[in-house]
Amino acid sequence: MSTPRRLLLVNGPNLNLLGIREPEIYGHETLADVERIVTDAAAARGVEVTAVQSNHEGVLLDAIHDARTTCAGIVINPGGLTHTSVVLRDALAGVALPVAEVHISNVAEREKFRHHSYVADVAVVRITGEGVAGYARATTLLLDVISGGAEG
């Protein structure tokens, strides 16, 4: 069976407020901009993207579970679930797909509770503090790992 030519883009709680919520931290780009950036980066490599954003953890878990048979990898910004959700981490580990973790802000320079990521140990790519442009780099690097052009 060949590798699916699709990525799952997952954006967690409050990322639907991009462009409105704390623009001094997250910038003025919107979730639609993020989805376009990832779609364009993937399309340059002949890969499609399925995007999901939810403020409900179970919706994200279901999308991750479904991706195990339809996607080659996952680009995820878990939002605040990064620092709190063992079940999100376990879902990512459970589907055994390569994962790119993205954070718009530099979480290491923010509040102490944001310094720990439950996703970090299952991510083969981790991009922080590059704004929404970091999604494009995460997508490209993840596709390099998937294609065997880079180690994850």
Protein backbone atom coordinates (compact mmCIF):
# COMPACT_ATOMS: atom_id res chain seq x y z
CA MET A 1 0.00 0.00 0.00
CA SER A 2 1.37 3.42 -0.90
CA THR A 3 1.69 6.30 1.54
CA PRO A 4 -1.33 8.63 1.44
CA ARG A 5 -0.65 12.00 -0.17
CA ARG A 6 -2.47 13.92 2.53
CA LEU A 7 -1.63 15.68 5.78
CA LEU A 8 -3.93 16.43 8.66
CA LEU A 9 -3.68 19.99 9.99
CA VAL A 10 -4.94 20.21 13.57
CA ASN A 11 -5.48 23.49 15.39
CA GLY A 12 -6.63 23.34 18.98
CA PRO A 13 -8.69 25.53 21.28
CA ASN A 14 -8.83 29.28 20.73
CA LEU A 15 -6.94 29.18 17.42
CA ASN A 16 -10.21 30.11 15.72
CA LEU A 17 -9.57 33.54 17.32
CA LEU A 18 -6.31 34.16 15.46
CA GLY A 19 -6.19 37.73 14.23
CA ILE A 20 -8.41 38.84 17.13
CA ARG A 21 -6.92 37.26 20.25
CA GLU A 22 -3.85 38.99 21.68
CA PRO A 23 -2.41 40.18 18.35
CA GLU A 24 0.72 41.40 20.14
CA ILE A 25 1.50 37.71 20.81
CA TYR A 26 -0.17 35.85 17.94
CA GLY A 27 -0.15 38.47 15.17
CA HIS A 28 -2.91 39.58 12.84
CA GLU A 29 -3.08 36.53 10.57
CA THR A 30 -6.20 34.40 10.83
CA LEU A 31 -6.90 30.69 10.97
CA ALA A 32 -7.81 30.91 7.27
CA ASP A 33 -4.30 32.29 6.63
CA VAL A 34 -2.78 29.36 8.54
CA GLU A 35 -4.81 26.86 6.53
CA ARG A 36 -3.77 28.54 3.26
CA ILE A 37 -0.09 28.56 4.29
CA VAL A 38 -0.12 24.84 5.06
CA THR A 39 -2.18 23.97 1.99
CA ASP A 40 0.22 25.92 -0.26
CA ALA A 41 3.34 24.38 1.32
CA ALA A 42 1.90 20.88 0.95
CA ALA A 43 0.60 21.48 -2.59
CA ALA A 44 4.13 22.44 -3.66
CA ARG A 45 5.01 18.82 -2.87
CA GLY A 46 1.87 17.30 -4.41
CA VAL A 47 0.21 16.70 -1.04
CA GLU A 48 -3.33 17.62 0.00
CA VAL A 49 -4.39 18.88 3.42
CA THR A 50 -7.41 18.18 5.58
CA ALA A 51 -7.81 20.89 8.22
CA VAL A 52 -9.64 20.71 11.54
CA GLN A 53 -9.93 23.23 14.34
CA SER A 54 -11.97 22.72 17.45
CA ASN A 55 -12.34 24.01 20.96
CA HIS A 56 -13.41 20.50 21.96
CA GLU A 57 -10.70 17.96 22.68
CA GLY A 58 -12.78 14.95 21.61
CA VAL A 59 -13.28 16.39 18.12
CA LEU A 60 -9.50 16.69 17.75
CA LEU A 61 -8.95 13.15 19.05
CA ASP A 62 -11.48 11.74 16.58
CA ALA A 63 -9.80 13.56 13.66
CA ILE A 64 -6.39 12.24 14.74
CA HIS A 65 -7.75 8.70 15.02
CA ASP A 66 -9.34 8.95 11.56
CA ALA A 67 -6.04 10.19 10.07
CA ARG A 68 -4.28 6.89 10.74
CA THR A 69 -5.67 5.42 7.50
CA THR A 70 -5.97 8.52 5.33
CA CYS A 71 -2.93 10.68 6.09
CA ALA A 72 0.85 10.44 5.92
CA GLY A 73 1.44 12.83 8.83
CA ILE A 74 0.01 15.46 11.15
CA VAL A 75 0.83 19.15 11.58
CA ILE A 76 -0.57 20.26 14.93
CA ASN A 77 -0.80 23.36 17.04
CA PRO A 78 -2.53 21.97 20.12
CA GLY A 79 -2.92 25.42 21.69
CA GLY A 80 -3.33 25.19 25.45
CA LEU A 81 -3.79 21.41 25.22
CA THR A 82 -0.04 21.27 24.62
CA HIS A 83 0.54 21.78 28.32
CA THR A 84 -2.37 19.81 29.75
CA SER A 85 -3.46 16.90 27.58
CA VAL A 86 -1.96 13.48 28.03
CA VAL A 87 -4.85 12.02 26.00
CA LEU A 88 -3.99 14.21 23.00
CA ARG A 89 -0.37 13.06 23.24
CA ASP A 90 -1.50 9.44 23.50
CA ALA A 91 -3.75 9.80 20.44
CA LEU A 92 -0.82 11.16 18.42
CA ALA A 93 1.42 8.33 19.62
CA GLY A 94 -1.31 5.79 19.03
CA VAL A 95 -1.82 6.53 15.34
CA ALA A 96 1.93 6.19 14.74
CA LEU A 97 2.09 8.97 12.14
CA PRO A 98 4.93 11.49 12.01
CA VAL A 99 3.94 14.70 13.80
CA ALA A 100 5.06 18.32 13.43
CA GLU A 101 4.26 20.45 16.49
CA VAL A 102 3.86 24.18 15.80
CA HIS A 103 3.51 27.15 18.15
CA ILE A 104 3.08 30.67 16.84
CA SER A 105 4.71 32.27 19.88
CA ASN A 106 7.93 31.25 21.56
CA VAL A 107 6.42 29.27 24.42
CA ALA A 108 9.81 29.00 26.14
CA GLU A 109 9.78 32.76 26.67
CA ARG A 110 6.27 32.88 28.06
CA GLU A 111 4.65 31.83 31.34
CA LYS A 112 6.34 28.91 33.07
CA PHE A 113 3.31 26.62 32.67
CA ARG A 114 3.75 26.88 28.89
CA HIS A 115 7.28 25.49 28.95
CA HIS A 116 6.22 21.83 29.09
CA SER A 117 4.76 20.12 26.04
CA TYR A 118 3.11 16.73 26.25
CA VAL A 119 3.38 16.53 22.45
CA ALA A 120 7.14 17.16 22.18
CA ASP A 121 8.20 13.56 22.72
CA VAL A 122 6.04 12.29 19.85
CA ALA A 123 6.87 15.12 17.42
CA VAL A 124 9.56 14.61 14.79
CA VAL A 125 9.47 18.35 13.98
CA ARG A 126 8.96 21.18 16.48
CA ILE A 127 8.68 24.82 15.42
CA THR A 128 8.10 27.62 17.93
CA GLY A 129 8.13 31.39 17.80
CA GLU A 130 8.07 31.88 14.02
CA GLY A 131 4.53 33.24 13.81
CA VAL A 132 2.15 31.64 11.35
CA ALA A 133 5.04 31.33 8.86
CA GLY A 134 6.31 28.53 11.11
CA TYR A 135 3.48 26.36 9.82
CA ALA A 136 5.02 26.37 6.32
CA ARG A 137 8.43 25.35 7.65
CA ALA A 138 6.86 22.65 9.83
CA THR A 139 4.95 21.30 6.82
CA THR A 140 8.04 21.24 4.60
CA LEU A 141 10.19 19.59 7.26
CA LEU A 142 7.50 17.02 8.03
CA LEU A 143 7.20 16.17 4.34
CA ASP A 144 11.00 15.80 4.20
CA VAL A 145 10.80 13.26 7.05
CA ILE A 146 7.92 11.41 5.39
CA SER A 147 9.74 11.22 2.05
CA GLY A 148 12.93 10.01 3.72
CA GLY A 149 14.81 13.21 2.91
CA ALA A 150 15.38 14.05 6.58
CA GLU A 151 15.49 12.27 9.90
CA GLY A 152 12.78 12.92 12.40
